[in-house]
PDB file of N, CA and C in Angstrom:
ATOM      1  N   UNK A   1     112.008  76.963 107.660  1.00  0.00           N
ATOM      2  CA  UNK A   1     110.832  77.510 108.301  1.00  0.00           C
ATOM      3  C   UNK A   1     110.385  78.749 107.531  1.00  0.00           C
ATOM      4  N   UNK A   2     109.122  78.838 107.303  1.00  0.00           N
ATOM      5  CA  UNK A   2     108.569  79.981 106.583  1.00  0.00           C
ATOM      6  C   UNK A   2     108.238  81.075 107.595  1.00  0.00           C
ATOM      7  N   UNK A   3     108.746  82.258 107.355  1.00  0.00           N
ATOM      8  CA  UNK A   3     108.550  83.361 108.298  1.00  0.00           C
ATOM      9  C   UNK A   3     107.086  83.779 108.342  1.00  0.00           C
ATOM     10  N   UNK A   4     106.676  84.253 109.511  1.00  0.00           N
ATOM     11  CA  UNK A   4     105.283  84.637 109.723  1.00  0.00           C
ATOM     12  C   UNK A   4     104.856  85.764 108.780  1.00  0.00           C
ATOM     13  N   UNK A   5     105.783  86.656 108.449  1.00  0.00           N
ATOM     14  CA  UNK A   5     105.457  87.749 107.533  1.00  0.00           C
ATOM     15  C   UNK A   5     105.062  87.227 106.157  1.00  0.00           C
ATOM     16  N   UNK A   6     105.740  86.184 105.719  1.00  0.00           N
ATOM     17  CA  UNK A   6     105.440  85.593 104.419  1.00  0.00           C
ATOM     18  C   UNK A   6     104.062  84.940 104.457  1.00  0.00           C
ATOM     19  N   UNK A   7     103.785  84.229 105.527  1.00  0.00           N
ATOM     20  CA  UNK A   7     102.483  83.592 105.673  1.00  0.00           C
ATOM     21  C   UNK A   7     101.362  84.621 105.682  1.00  0.00           C
ATOM     22  N   UNK A   8     101.556  85.694 106.440  1.00  0.00           N
ATOM     23  CA  UNK A   8     100.541  86.746 106.512  1.00  0.00           C
ATOM     24  C   UNK A   8     100.344  87.415 105.151  1.00  0.00           C
ATOM     25  N   UNK A   9     101.433  87.624 104.437  1.00  0.00           N
ATOM     26  CA  UNK A   9     101.347  88.250 103.121  1.00  0.00           C
ATOM     27  C   UNK A   9     100.544  87.383 102.155  1.00  0.00           C
ATOM     28  N   UNK A  10     100.803  86.072 102.162  1.00  0.00           N
ATOM     29  CA  UNK A  10     100.058  85.199 101.254  1.00  0.00           C
ATOM     30  C   UNK A  10      98.584  85.135 101.638  1.00  0.00           C
ATOM     31  N   UNK A  11      98.294  85.211 102.933  1.00  0.00           N
ATOM     32  CA  UNK A  11      96.885  85.258 103.367  1.00  0.00           C
ATOM     33  C   UNK A  11      96.205  86.518 102.845  1.00  0.00           C
ATOM     34  N   UNK A  12      96.937  87.644 102.897  1.00  0.00           N
ATOM     35  CA  UNK A  12      96.343  88.898 102.412  1.00  0.00           C
ATOM     36  C   UNK A  12      96.118  88.849 100.903  1.00  0.00           C
ATOM     37  N   UNK A  13      97.027  88.178 100.181  1.00  0.00           N
ATOM     38  CA  UNK A  13      96.834  88.026  98.735  1.00  0.00           C
ATOM     39  C   UNK A  13      95.604  87.177  98.433  1.00  0.00           C
ATOM     40  N   UNK A  14      95.414  86.139  99.222  1.00  0.00           N
ATOM     41  CA  UNK A  14      94.247  85.288  99.035  1.00  0.00           C
ATOM     42  C   UNK A  14      92.959  86.085  99.280  1.00  0.00           C
ATOM     43  N   UNK A  15      92.977  86.888 100.344  1.00  0.00           N
ATOM     44  CA  UNK A  15      91.796  87.693 100.658  1.00  0.00           C
ATOM     45  C   UNK A  15      91.499  88.714  99.563  1.00  0.00           C
ATOM     46  N   UNK A  16      92.536  89.253  98.938  1.00  0.00           N
ATOM     47  CA  UNK A  16      92.360  90.254  97.875  1.00  0.00           C
ATOM     48  C   UNK A  16      91.957  89.627  96.546  1.00  0.00           C
ATOM     49  N   UNK A  17      92.524  88.468  96.235  1.00  0.00           N
ATOM     50  CA  UNK A  17      92.351  87.903  94.887  1.00  0.00           C
ATOM     51  C   UNK A  17      91.482  86.658  94.834  1.00  0.00           C
ATOM     52  N   UNK A  18      91.379  85.943  95.947  1.00  0.00           N
ATOM     53  CA  UNK A  18      90.657  84.678  95.944  1.00  0.00           C
ATOM     54  C   UNK A  18      91.477  83.535  95.382  1.00  0.00           C
ATOM     55  N   UNK A  19      92.744  83.798  95.082  1.00  0.00           N
ATOM     56  CA  UNK A  19      93.644  82.780  94.541  1.00  0.00           C
ATOM     57  C   UNK A  19      94.509  82.246  95.678  1.00  0.00           C
ATOM     58  N   UNK A  20      94.580  80.924  95.793  1.00  0.00           N
ATOM     59  CA  UNK A  20      95.420  80.321  96.822  1.00  0.00           C
ATOM     60  C   UNK A  20      96.877  80.316  96.374  1.00  0.00           C
ATOM     61  N   UNK A  21      97.759  80.524  97.325  1.00  0.00           N
ATOM     62  CA  UNK A  21      99.197  80.521  97.061  1.00  0.00           C
ATOM     63  C   UNK A  21      99.848  79.455  97.931  1.00  0.00           C
ATOM     64  N   UNK A  22     100.802  78.758  97.369  1.00  0.00           N
ATOM     65  CA  UNK A  22     101.573  77.777  98.122  1.00  0.00           C
ATOM     66  C   UNK A  22     102.977  78.340  98.316  1.00  0.00           C
ATOM     67  N   UNK A  23     103.393  78.409  99.553  1.00  0.00           N
ATOM     68  CA  UNK A  23     104.745  78.862  99.869  1.00  0.00           C
ATOM     69  C   UNK A  23     105.529  77.628 100.297  1.00  0.00           C
ATOM     70  N   UNK A  24     106.569  77.336  99.566  1.00  0.00           N
ATOM     71  CA  UNK A  24     107.354  76.137  99.828  1.00  0.00           C
ATOM     72  C   UNK A  24     108.645  76.483 100.552  1.00  0.00           C
ATOM     73  N   UNK A  25     108.962  75.710 101.534  1.00  0.00           N
ATOM     74  CA  UNK A  25     110.206  75.874 102.282  1.00  0.00           C
ATOM     75  C   UNK A  25     111.247  74.950 101.660  1.00  0.00           C
ATOM     76  N   UNK A  26     111.826  75.392 100.557  1.00  0.00           N
ATOM     77  CA  UNK A  26     112.761  74.549  99.798  1.00  0.00           C
ATOM     78  C   UNK A  26     114.031  74.247 100.588  1.00  0.00           C
ATOM     79  N   UNK A  27     114.549  75.237 101.296  1.00  0.00           N
ATOM     80  CA  UNK A  27     115.768  75.019 102.081  1.00  0.00           C
ATOM     81  C   UNK A  27     115.495  74.004 103.183  1.00  0.00           C
ATOM     82  N   UNK A  28     114.345  74.139 103.844  1.00  0.00           N
ATOM     83  CA  UNK A  28     113.982  73.183 104.879  1.00  0.00           C
ATOM     84  C   UNK A  28     113.847  71.776 104.330  1.00  0.00           C
ATOM     85  N   UNK A  29     113.246  71.662 103.147  1.00  0.00           N
ATOM     86  CA  UNK A  29     113.100  70.346 102.524  1.00  0.00           C
ATOM     87  C   UNK A  29     114.468  69.732 102.246  1.00  0.00           C
ATOM     88  N   UNK A  30     115.374  70.519 101.692  1.00  0.00           N
ATOM     89  CA  UNK A  30     116.707  69.986 101.368  1.00  0.00           C
ATOM     90  C   UNK A  30     117.440  69.585 102.645  1.00  0.00           C
ATOM     91  N   UNK A  31     117.293  70.378 103.713  1.00  0.00           N
ATOM     92  CA  UNK A  31     117.931  70.002 104.983  1.00  0.00           C
ATOM     93  C   UNK A  31     117.419  68.651 105.462  1.00  0.00           C
ATOM     94  N   UNK A  32     116.098  68.458 105.436  1.00  0.00           N
ATOM     95  CA  UNK A  32     115.539  67.177 105.862  1.00  0.00           C
ATOM     96  C   UNK A  32     115.984  66.054 104.932  1.00  0.00           C
ATOM     97  N   UNK A  33     115.985  66.313 103.641  1.00  0.00           N
ATOM     98  CA  UNK A  33     116.419  65.311 102.673  1.00  0.00           C
ATOM     99  C   UNK A  33     117.857  64.892 102.963  1.00  0.00           C
ATOM    100  N   UNK A  34     118.725  65.863 103.150  1.00  0.00           N
ATOM    101  CA  UNK A  34     120.128  65.554 103.399  1.00  0.00           C
ATOM    102  C   UNK A  34     120.316  64.853 104.733  1.00  0.00           C
ATOM    103  N   UNK A  35     119.487  65.195 105.714  1.00  0.00           N
ATOM    104  CA  UNK A  35     119.580  64.526 107.004  1.00  0.00           C
ATOM    105  C   UNK A  35     119.196  63.051 106.870  1.00  0.00           C
ATOM    106  N   UNK A  36     118.084  62.781 106.197  1.00  0.00           N
ATOM    107  CA  UNK A  36     117.619  61.414 106.041  1.00  0.00           C
ATOM    108  C   UNK A  36     118.563  60.574 105.175  1.00  0.00           C
ATOM    109  N   UNK A  37     119.211  61.197 104.234  1.00  0.00           N
ATOM    110  CA  UNK A  37     120.087  60.475 103.318  1.00  0.00           C
ATOM    111  C   UNK A  37     121.541  60.925 103.482  1.00  0.00           C
ATOM    112  N   UNK A  38     121.954  61.076 104.744  1.00  0.00           N
ATOM    113  CA  UNK A  38     123.279  61.634 105.012  1.00  0.00           C
ATOM    114  C   UNK A  38     124.418  60.824 104.413  1.00  0.00           C
ATOM    115  N   UNK A  39     124.230  59.551 104.250  1.00  0.00           N
ATOM    116  CA  UNK A  39     125.303  58.737 103.660  1.00  0.00           C
ATOM    117  C   UNK A  39     125.527  59.068 102.192  1.00  0.00           C
ATOM    118  N   UNK A  40     124.507  59.595 101.570  1.00  0.00           N
ATOM    119  CA  UNK A  40     124.617  59.940 100.148  1.00  0.00           C
ATOM    120  C   UNK A  40     124.673  61.448  99.926  1.00  0.00           C
ATOM    121  N   UNK A  41     124.867  62.191 100.995  1.00  0.00           N
ATOM    122  CA  UNK A  41     124.853  63.648 100.937  1.00  0.00           C
ATOM    123  C   UNK A  41     125.893  64.203  99.963  1.00  0.00           C
ATOM    124  N   UNK A  42     127.120  63.728 100.043  1.00  0.00           N
ATOM    125  CA  UNK A  42     128.166  64.262  99.161  1.00  0.00           C
ATOM    126  C   UNK A  42     127.868  63.974  97.699  1.00  0.00           C
ATOM    127  N   UNK A  43     127.359  62.784  97.424  1.00  0.00           N
ATOM    128  CA  UNK A  43     127.006  62.456  96.043  1.00  0.00           C
ATOM    129  C   UNK A  43     125.919  63.400  95.540  1.00  0.00           C
ATOM    130  N   UNK A  44     124.893  63.631  96.377  1.00  0.00           N
ATOM    131  CA  UNK A  44     123.819  64.549  96.014  1.00  0.00           C
ATOM    132  C   UNK A  44     124.369  65.952  95.766  1.00  0.00           C
ATOM    133  N   UNK A  45     125.200  66.448  96.682  1.00  0.00           N
ATOM    134  CA  UNK A  45     125.746  67.805  96.533  1.00  0.00           C
ATOM    135  C   UNK A  45     126.640  67.920  95.308  1.00  0.00           C
ATOM    136  N   UNK A  46     127.405  66.898  95.017  1.00  0.00           N
ATOM    137  CA  UNK A  46     128.258  66.924  93.821  1.00  0.00           C
ATOM    138  C   UNK A  46     127.427  67.002  92.548  1.00  0.00           C
ATOM    139  N   UNK A  47     126.368  66.211  92.488  1.00  0.00           N
ATOM    140  CA  UNK A  47     125.496  66.231  91.307  1.00  0.00           C
ATOM    141  C   UNK A  47     124.778  67.574  91.212  1.00  0.00           C
ATOM    142  N   UNK A  48     124.254  68.059  92.360  1.00  0.00           N
ATOM    143  CA  UNK A  48     123.558  69.346  92.375  1.00  0.00           C
ATOM    144  C   UNK A  48     124.496  70.471  91.945  1.00  0.00           C
ATOM    145  N   UNK A  49     125.728  70.446  92.445  1.00  0.00           N
ATOM    146  CA  UNK A  49     126.706  71.468  92.080  1.00  0.00           C
ATOM    147  C   UNK A  49     126.994  71.435  90.591  1.00  0.00           C
ATOM    148  N   UNK A  50     127.173  70.270  90.026  1.00  0.00           N
ATOM    149  CA  UNK A  50     127.462  70.198  88.587  1.00  0.00           C
ATOM    150  C   UNK A  50     126.265  70.708  87.776  1.00  0.00           C
ATOM    151  N   UNK A  51     125.050  70.436  88.242  1.00  0.00           N
ATOM    152  CA  UNK A  51     123.864  70.940  87.543  1.00  0.00           C
ATOM    153  C   UNK A  51     123.787  72.458  87.621  1.00  0.00           C
ATOM    154  N   UNK A  52     124.032  73.011  88.805  1.00  0.00           N
ATOM    155  CA  UNK A  52     123.981  74.469  88.984  1.00  0.00           C
ATOM    156  C   UNK A  52     125.032  75.143  88.117  1.00  0.00           C
ATOM    157  N   UNK A  53     126.240  74.619  88.138  1.00  0.00           N
ATOM    158  CA  UNK A  53     127.328  75.240  87.378  1.00  0.00           C
ATOM    159  C   UNK A  53     127.135  75.093  85.874  1.00  0.00           C
ATOM    160  N   UNK A  54     126.430  74.064  85.447  1.00  0.00           N
ATOM    161  CA  UNK A  54     126.202  73.851  84.015  1.00  0.00           C
ATOM    162  C   UNK A  54     125.100  74.738  83.454  1.00  0.00           C
ATOM    163  N   UNK A  55     124.270  75.308  84.327  1.00  0.00           N
ATOM    164  CA  UNK A  55     123.178  76.166  83.860  1.00  0.00           C
ATOM    165  C   UNK A  55     123.734  77.447  83.252  1.00  0.00           C
ATOM    166  N   UNK A  56     123.130  77.934  82.181  1.00  0.00           N
ATOM    167  CA  UNK A  56     123.574  79.208  81.614  1.00  0.00           C
ATOM    168  C   UNK A  56     123.272  80.360  82.584  1.00  0.00           C
ATOM    169  N   UNK A  57     123.959  81.465  82.382  1.00  0.00           N
ATOM    170  CA  UNK A  57     123.796  82.622  83.263  1.00  0.00           C
ATOM    171  C   UNK A  57     122.368  83.145  83.265  1.00  0.00           C
ATOM    172  N   UNK A  58     121.609  82.872  82.208  1.00  0.00           N
ATOM    173  CA  UNK A  58     120.223  83.331  82.168  1.00  0.00           C
ATOM    174  C   UNK A  58     119.350  82.565  83.167  1.00  0.00           C
ATOM    175  N   UNK A  59     119.768  81.378  83.563  1.00  0.00           N
ATOM    176  CA  UNK A  59     119.014  80.577  84.527  1.00  0.00           C
ATOM    177  C   UNK A  59     119.549  80.734  85.943  1.00  0.00           C
ATOM    178  N   UNK A  60     120.857  80.652  86.084  1.00  0.00           N
ATOM    179  CA  UNK A  60     121.505  80.799  87.385  1.00  0.00           C
ATOM    180  C   UNK A  60     122.637  81.807  87.199  1.00  0.00           C
ATOM    181  N   UNK A  61     122.513  82.939  87.869  1.00  0.00           N
ATOM    182  CA  UNK A  61     123.495  84.011  87.682  1.00  0.00           C
ATOM    183  C   UNK A  61     124.865  83.616  88.231  1.00  0.00           C
ATOM    184  N   UNK A  62     125.884  84.252  87.707  1.00  0.00           N
ATOM    185  CA  UNK A  62     127.254  83.982  88.155  1.00  0.00           C
ATOM    186  C   UNK A  62     127.430  84.282  89.643  1.00  0.00           C
ATOM    187  N   UNK A  63     126.902  85.409  90.161  1.00  0.00           N
ATOM    188  CA  UNK A  63     127.039  85.638  91.607  1.00  0.00           C
ATOM    189  C   UNK A  63     126.378  84.545  92.459  1.00  0.00           C
ATOM    190  N   UNK A  64     125.262  83.993  91.985  1.00  0.00           N
ATOM    191  CA  UNK A  64     124.611  82.919  92.720  1.00  0.00           C
ATOM    192  C   UNK A  64     125.460  81.653  92.699  1.00  0.00           C
ATOM    193  N   UNK A  65     126.068  81.367  91.570  1.00  0.00           N
ATOM    194  CA  UNK A  65     126.960  80.211  91.478  1.00  0.00           C
ATOM    195  C   UNK A  65     128.138  80.369  92.430  1.00  0.00           C
ATOM    196  N   UNK A  66     128.708  81.575  92.464  1.00  0.00           N
ATOM    197  CA  UNK A  66     129.845  81.834  93.345  1.00  0.00           C
ATOM    198  C   UNK A  66     129.443  81.721  94.803  1.00  0.00           C
ATOM    199  N   UNK A  67     128.251  82.200  95.151  1.00  0.00           N
ATOM    200  CA  UNK A  67     127.760  82.100  96.529  1.00  0.00           C
ATOM    201  C   UNK A  67     127.576  80.630  96.919  1.00  0.00           C
ATOM    202  N   UNK A  68     127.026  79.826  96.021  1.00  0.00           N
ATOM    203  CA  UNK A  68     126.851  78.398  96.291  1.00  0.00           C
ATOM    204  C   UNK A  68     128.195  77.739  96.579  1.00  0.00           C
ATOM    205  N   UNK A  69     129.178  78.029  95.734  1.00  0.00           N
ATOM    206  CA  UNK A  69     130.502  77.430  95.925  1.00  0.00           C
ATOM    207  C   UNK A  69     131.152  77.895  97.224  1.00  0.00           C
ATOM    208  N   UNK A  70     130.972  79.161  97.565  1.00  0.00           N
ATOM    209  CA  UNK A  70     131.539  79.682  98.814  1.00  0.00           C
ATOM    210  C   UNK A  70     130.886  79.004 100.022  1.00  0.00           C
ATOM    211  N   UNK A  71     129.575  78.841  99.980  1.00  0.00           N
ATOM    212  CA  UNK A  71     128.881  78.164 101.076  1.00  0.00           C
ATOM    213  C   UNK A  71     129.314  76.712 101.190  1.00  0.00           C
ATOM    214  N   UNK A  72     129.505  76.081 100.070  1.00  0.00           N
ATOM    215  CA  UNK A  72     129.930  74.679 100.077  1.00  0.00           C
ATOM    216  C   UNK A  72     131.331  74.544 100.660  1.00  0.00           C
ATOM    217  N   UNK A  73     132.230  75.444 100.251  1.00  0.00           N
ATOM    218  CA  UNK A  73     133.594  75.413 100.806  1.00  0.00           C
ATOM    219  C   UNK A  73     133.581  75.663 102.301  1.00  0.00           C
ATOM    220  N   UNK A  74     132.769  76.634 102.748  1.00  0.00           N
ATOM    221  CA  UNK A  74     132.693  76.952 104.174  1.00  0.00           C
ATOM    222  C   UNK A  74     132.143  75.771 104.979  1.00  0.00           C
ATOM    223  N   UNK A  75     131.138  75.101 104.442  1.00  0.00           N
ATOM    224  CA  UNK A  75     130.549  73.945 105.123  1.00  0.00           C
ATOM    225  C   UNK A  75     131.555  72.808 105.220  1.00  0.00           C
ATOM    226  N   UNK A  76     132.325  72.601 104.169  1.00  0.00           N
ATOM    227  CA  UNK A  76     133.322  71.531 104.184  1.00  0.00           C
ATOM    228  C   UNK A  76     134.456  71.876 105.151  1.00  0.00           C
ATOM    229  N   UNK A  77     134.817  73.153 105.262  1.00  0.00           N
ATOM    230  CA  UNK A  77     135.866  73.574 106.176  1.00  0.00           C
ATOM    231  C   UNK A  77     135.421  73.383 107.628  1.00  0.00           C
ATOM    232  N   UNK A  78     134.125  73.594 107.903  1.00  0.00           N
ATOM    233  CA  UNK A  78     133.593  73.420 109.256  1.00  0.00           C
ATOM    234  C   UNK A  78     133.627  71.963 109.712  1.00  0.00           C
ATOM    235  N   UNK A  79     133.532  71.049 108.761  1.00  0.00           N
ATOM    236  CA  UNK A  79     133.523  69.625 109.103  1.00  0.00           C
ATOM    237  C   UNK A  79     134.901  69.089 109.447  1.00  0.00           C
ATOM    238  N   UNK A  80     135.942  69.817 109.117  1.00  0.00           N
ATOM    239  CA  UNK A  80     137.315  69.326 109.359  1.00  0.00           C
ATOM    240  C   UNK A  80     137.780  69.621 110.737  1.00  0.00           C
TER     241      UNK A  80
END
């Protein structure tokens, strides 16, 4: 869900510049994707994880990689 503050901010930018902005709810999209394809969720997460970890630090920082892995471990622990 996109917070109302973000929506209001993009509206103000449009009013100032005349340029339209698209705010994407990427986390929401992934949640829906994983819900619809729950049988393939682990395969998707495994591939996504390998892609994230393979990226150089200039693209995906080490702290972000560590946070992803920590969240993944926590989610897997909750399912047990």
